[in-house]
Every structure is written in C-alpha cells, then in structure tokens.
Amino acid sequence: QVQLVESGGGLVQPGGSLRSSCAASGRTFGSYAMAWFRQAPGKEREFVAAISWSGANTYYADAVKGRFTISRDNAKNTVYLQQNSLKPEDAAGYYCAARRGVPLTGDQYDYWGQGTQVTVSS
C-alpha cells in the first residue's frame, strides 16, 4: 500500500513558477513509477508528466514540455513537479500517482493522492 500526499500548489501570476511535491509512504517507493496528472473544472483528467523508478526516464505531455520538469528523490520518498512559465490554462488540481512497472501516460495507476490546487491569475 502506498499513500501519496501532494503539497506546494498555490496562486501564481502568469509567467511565474511553482514546485509541487508528492510525499509517499512505504519502503518500496523506489520501485514505483510516478506521474503527475491534472484536472481543471469541467474537464477530464489529463496526463502531465511521468518518471521511471530510477529517474532515468521522463515523459511529458506536449502542453508542458519545456516548461515543467518531473524529478524524484528516492531517499526522501518524494517526487517533484517544477512548473515554470505558467499559463492560465495550467490552472488545475494536480494529482500524483504511483504504479509498479513502467511509467504510463494513461491513468492506469494504482495509487493516487488527494491533489494540490494550482491557480494562475494576475
């Protein structure tokens, strides 16, 4: 069983930056692929970024490529999402997710956090 707790969301102006974190419980965090998804009001949940268990492989949605960076620290059981050059359309609830095996861009993840809200507005 893995429990995920996100933090770090907030209000930021367009063009600004945020770093969201996802802390995981459990001793086997290093064996899980991790991902970030987001969901805006009235829209479907969408993939944002994913990272392999070792951190060697990362994947991004086209909408965030070049602006967002996913990383992880297995010693701290934490995965991060650095969000730069934020746009109003990035505003959403951001959720981290975990699964054994390879990272996927679909939502076939076994564990989900409660989410952290990101608001982008001037």
C-alpha atoms as a PDB file:
ATOM      1  CA  GLN A   1       0.000   0.000   0.000  1.00  0.00           C
ATOM      2  CA  VAL A   2       1.267   3.474  -0.887  1.00  0.00           C
ATOM      3  CA  GLN A   3      -0.161   6.743   0.387  1.00  0.00           C
ATOM      4  CA  LEU A   4       0.557   9.923  -1.535  1.00  0.00           C
ATOM      5  CA  VAL A   5       0.297  13.471  -0.213  1.00  0.00           C
ATOM      6  CA  GLU A   6       0.757  16.458  -2.514  1.00  0.00           C
ATOM      7  CA  SER A   7       1.801  19.948  -1.482  1.00  0.00           C
ATOM      8  CA  GLY A   8       3.170  23.134  -2.981  1.00  0.00           C
ATOM      9  CA  GLY A   9       0.290  24.386  -5.053  1.00  0.00           C
ATOM     10  CA  GLY A  10      -0.922  27.945  -4.806  1.00  0.00           C
ATOM     11  CA  LEU A  11      -1.646  31.182  -6.624  1.00  0.00           C
ATOM     12  CA  VAL A  12       0.900  32.449  -9.118  1.00  0.00           C
ATOM     13  CA  GLN A  13       0.892  35.111 -11.808  1.00  0.00           C
ATOM     14  CA  PRO A  14       1.209  34.146 -15.481  1.00  0.00           C
ATOM     15  CA  GLY A  15       4.859  33.526 -16.260  1.00  0.00           C
ATOM     16  CA  GLY A  16       5.613  32.558 -12.680  1.00  0.00           C
ATOM     17  CA  SER A  17       6.868  29.304 -11.184  1.00  0.00           C
ATOM     18  CA  LEU A  18       5.805  26.752  -8.601  1.00  0.00           C
ATOM     19  CA  ARG A  19       7.214  23.500  -7.326  1.00  0.00           C
ATOM     20  CA  SER A  20       4.753  20.831  -6.278  1.00  0.00           C
ATOM     21  CA  SER A  21       5.822  17.892  -4.160  1.00  0.00           C
ATOM     22  CA  CYS A  22       4.357  14.463  -3.571  1.00  0.00           C
ATOM     23  CA  ALA A  23       5.449  12.584  -0.480  1.00  0.00           C
ATOM     24  CA  ALA A  24       4.922   8.838  -0.475  1.00  0.00           C
ATOM     25  CA  SER A  25       4.682   6.412   2.400  1.00  0.00           C
ATOM     26  CA  GLY A  26       6.116   2.941   2.264  1.00  0.00           C
ATOM     27  CA  ARG A  27       9.549   1.415   1.994  1.00  0.00           C
ATOM     28  CA  THR A  28       9.228   0.408  -1.641  1.00  0.00           C
ATOM     29  CA  PHE A  29       8.823   3.894  -3.151  1.00  0.00           C
ATOM     30  CA  GLY A  30      11.905   3.346  -5.256  1.00  0.00           C
ATOM     31  CA  SER A  31      10.211   0.519  -7.135  1.00  0.00           C
ATOM     32  CA  TYR A  32       7.269   2.633  -8.320  1.00  0.00           C
ATOM     33  CA  ALA A  33       6.881   4.673 -11.460  1.00  0.00           C
ATOM     34  CA  MET A  34       5.385   8.063 -10.597  1.00  0.00           C
ATOM     35  CA  ALA A  35       3.311  10.540 -12.539  1.00  0.00           C
ATOM     36  CA  TRP A  36       1.506  13.835 -12.310  1.00  0.00           C
ATOM     37  CA  PHE A  37      -1.952  14.413 -13.741  1.00  0.00           C
ATOM     38  CA  ARG A  38      -4.157  17.475 -13.655  1.00  0.00           C
ATOM     39  CA  GLN A  39      -7.844  18.197 -13.853  1.00  0.00           C
ATOM     40  CA  ALA A  40      -9.478  21.567 -14.385  1.00  0.00           C
ATOM     41  CA  PRO A  41     -13.147  22.224 -13.586  1.00  0.00           C
ATOM     42  CA  GLY A  42     -15.388  20.775 -16.265  1.00  0.00           C
ATOM     43  CA  LYS A  43     -12.533  18.988 -17.990  1.00  0.00           C
ATOM     44  CA  GLU A  44     -11.242  15.443 -17.988  1.00  0.00           C
ATOM     45  CA  ARG A  45      -8.159  14.464 -16.078  1.00  0.00           C
ATOM     46  CA  GLU A  46      -5.074  14.670 -18.262  1.00  0.00           C
ATOM     47  CA  PHE A  47      -1.536  13.377 -18.115  1.00  0.00           C
ATOM     48  CA  VAL A  48       1.185  15.905 -17.302  1.00  0.00           C
ATOM     49  CA  ALA A  49       4.452  14.045 -16.673  1.00  0.00           C
ATOM     50  CA  ALA A  50       5.850  10.686 -15.571  1.00  0.00           C
ATOM     51  CA  ILE A  51       9.140   9.317 -14.319  1.00  0.00           C
ATOM     52  CA  SER A  52      10.584   5.824 -14.070  1.00  0.00           C
ATOM     53  CA  TRP A  53      11.518   4.246 -10.744  1.00  0.00           C
ATOM     54  CA  SER A  54      15.180   5.174 -11.176  1.00  0.00           C
ATOM     55  CA  GLY A  55      14.522   8.656 -12.520  1.00  0.00           C
ATOM     56  CA  ALA A  56      16.403   7.832 -15.701  1.00  0.00           C
ATOM     57  CA  ASN A  57      13.363   8.174 -17.953  1.00  0.00           C
ATOM     58  CA  THR A  58      10.869  11.023 -18.025  1.00  0.00           C
ATOM     59  CA  TYR A  59       7.820  11.705 -20.181  1.00  0.00           C
ATOM     60  CA  TYR A  60       5.823  14.878 -20.722  1.00  0.00           C
ATOM     61  CA  ALA A  61       2.591  15.998 -22.281  1.00  0.00           C
ATOM     62  CA  ASP A  62       3.169  18.275 -25.256  1.00  0.00           C
ATOM     63  CA  ALA A  63       1.363  21.093 -23.465  1.00  0.00           C
ATOM     64  CA  VAL A  64       4.015  21.273 -20.720  1.00  0.00           C
ATOM     65  CA  LYS A  65       7.153  20.077 -22.498  1.00  0.00           C
ATOM     66  CA  GLY A  66       9.987  22.531 -21.996  1.00  0.00           C
ATOM     67  CA  ARG A  67       8.232  24.282 -19.102  1.00  0.00           C
ATOM     68  CA  PHE A  68       7.668  21.541 -16.498  1.00  0.00           C
ATOM     69  CA  THR A  69      10.225  19.151 -15.040  1.00  0.00           C
ATOM     70  CA  ILE A  70       9.473  15.986 -13.087  1.00  0.00           C
ATOM     71  CA  SER A  71      12.097  14.596 -10.732  1.00  0.00           C
ATOM     72  CA  ARG A  72      12.311  12.300  -7.739  1.00  0.00           C
ATOM     73  CA  ASP A  73      14.398  11.718  -4.640  1.00  0.00           C
ATOM     74  CA  ASN A  74      14.034   8.094  -3.622  1.00  0.00           C
ATOM     75  CA  ALA A  75      15.909   8.698  -0.377  1.00  0.00           C
ATOM     76  CA  LYS A  76      13.161  11.151   0.607  1.00  0.00           C
ATOM     77  CA  ASN A  77      10.264   9.179  -0.912  1.00  0.00           C
ATOM     78  CA  THR A  78       9.300  12.295  -2.835  1.00  0.00           C
ATOM     79  CA  VAL A  79       8.531  13.225  -6.422  1.00  0.00           C
ATOM     80  CA  TYR A  80       8.542  16.823  -7.610  1.00  0.00           C
ATOM     81  CA  LEU A  81       6.982  18.822 -10.403  1.00  0.00           C
ATOM     82  CA  GLN A  82       8.779  22.065 -11.202  1.00  0.00           C
ATOM     83  CA  GLN A  83       6.399  24.297 -13.126  1.00  0.00           C
ATOM     84  CA  ASN A  84       7.879  27.288 -14.953  1.00  0.00           C
ATOM     85  CA  SER A  85       6.396  29.849 -17.328  1.00  0.00           C
ATOM     86  CA  LEU A  86       2.940  29.068 -16.012  1.00  0.00           C
ATOM     87  CA  LYS A  87      -0.063  29.970 -18.145  1.00  0.00           C
ATOM     88  CA  PRO A  88      -3.694  30.479 -17.154  1.00  0.00           C
ATOM     89  CA  GLU A  89      -4.535  27.205 -18.898  1.00  0.00           C
ATOM     90  CA  ASP A  90      -2.218  25.367 -16.468  1.00  0.00           C
ATOM     91  CA  ALA A  91      -4.607  26.134 -13.622  1.00  0.00           C
ATOM     92  CA  ALA A  92      -5.986  22.862 -12.270  1.00  0.00           C
ATOM     93  CA  GLY A  93      -5.874  20.375  -9.436  1.00  0.00           C
ATOM     94  CA  TYR A  94      -2.607  18.472  -9.709  1.00  0.00           C
ATOM     95  CA  TYR A  95      -2.516  14.853  -8.621  1.00  0.00           C
ATOM     96  CA  CYS A  96       0.380  12.479  -8.240  1.00  0.00           C
ATOM     97  CA  ALA A  97       0.029   8.790  -8.922  1.00  0.00           C
ATOM     98  CA  ALA A  98       2.106   5.636  -8.472  1.00  0.00           C
ATOM     99  CA  ARG A  99       2.279   2.242 -10.143  1.00  0.00           C
ATOM    100  CA  ARG A 100       4.636  -0.688 -10.213  1.00  0.00           C
ATOM    101  CA  GLY A 101       6.335  -1.196 -13.515  1.00  0.00           C
ATOM    102  CA  VAL A 102       6.927   1.235 -16.319  1.00  0.00           C
ATOM    103  CA  PRO A 103       5.529   4.757 -16.389  1.00  0.00           C
ATOM    104  CA  LEU A 104       2.405   5.213 -18.476  1.00  0.00           C
ATOM    105  CA  THR A 105       0.781   8.290 -19.934  1.00  0.00           C
ATOM    106  CA  GLY A 106      -2.668   6.846 -19.361  1.00  0.00           C
ATOM    107  CA  ASP A 107      -4.314   6.736 -15.955  1.00  0.00           C
ATOM    108  CA  GLN A 108      -3.564   3.082 -15.199  1.00  0.00           C
ATOM    109  CA  TYR A 109      -2.024   3.932 -11.870  1.00  0.00           C
ATOM    110  CA  ASP A 110      -2.698   2.076  -8.671  1.00  0.00           C
ATOM    111  CA  TYR A 111      -2.403   4.847  -6.107  1.00  0.00           C
ATOM    112  CA  TRP A 112      -3.492   8.473  -6.201  1.00  0.00           C
ATOM    113  CA  GLY A 113      -3.030  11.477  -3.971  1.00  0.00           C
ATOM    114  CA  GLN A 114      -5.683  13.980  -2.925  1.00  0.00           C
ATOM    115  CA  GLY A 115      -4.333  16.742  -5.123  1.00  0.00           C
ATOM    116  CA  THR A 116      -2.958  20.237  -4.784  1.00  0.00           C
ATOM    117  CA  GLN A 117      -4.547  23.258  -6.437  1.00  0.00           C
ATOM    118  CA  VAL A 118      -2.629  25.497  -8.815  1.00  0.00           C
ATOM    119  CA  THR A 119      -4.195  28.831  -9.757  1.00  0.00           C
ATOM    120  CA  VAL A 120      -2.627  31.026 -12.425  1.00  0.00           C
ATOM    121  CA  SER A 121      -4.045  34.514 -12.481  1.00  0.00           C
ATOM    122  CA  SER A 122      -2.965  38.125 -12.468  1.00  0.00           C
END
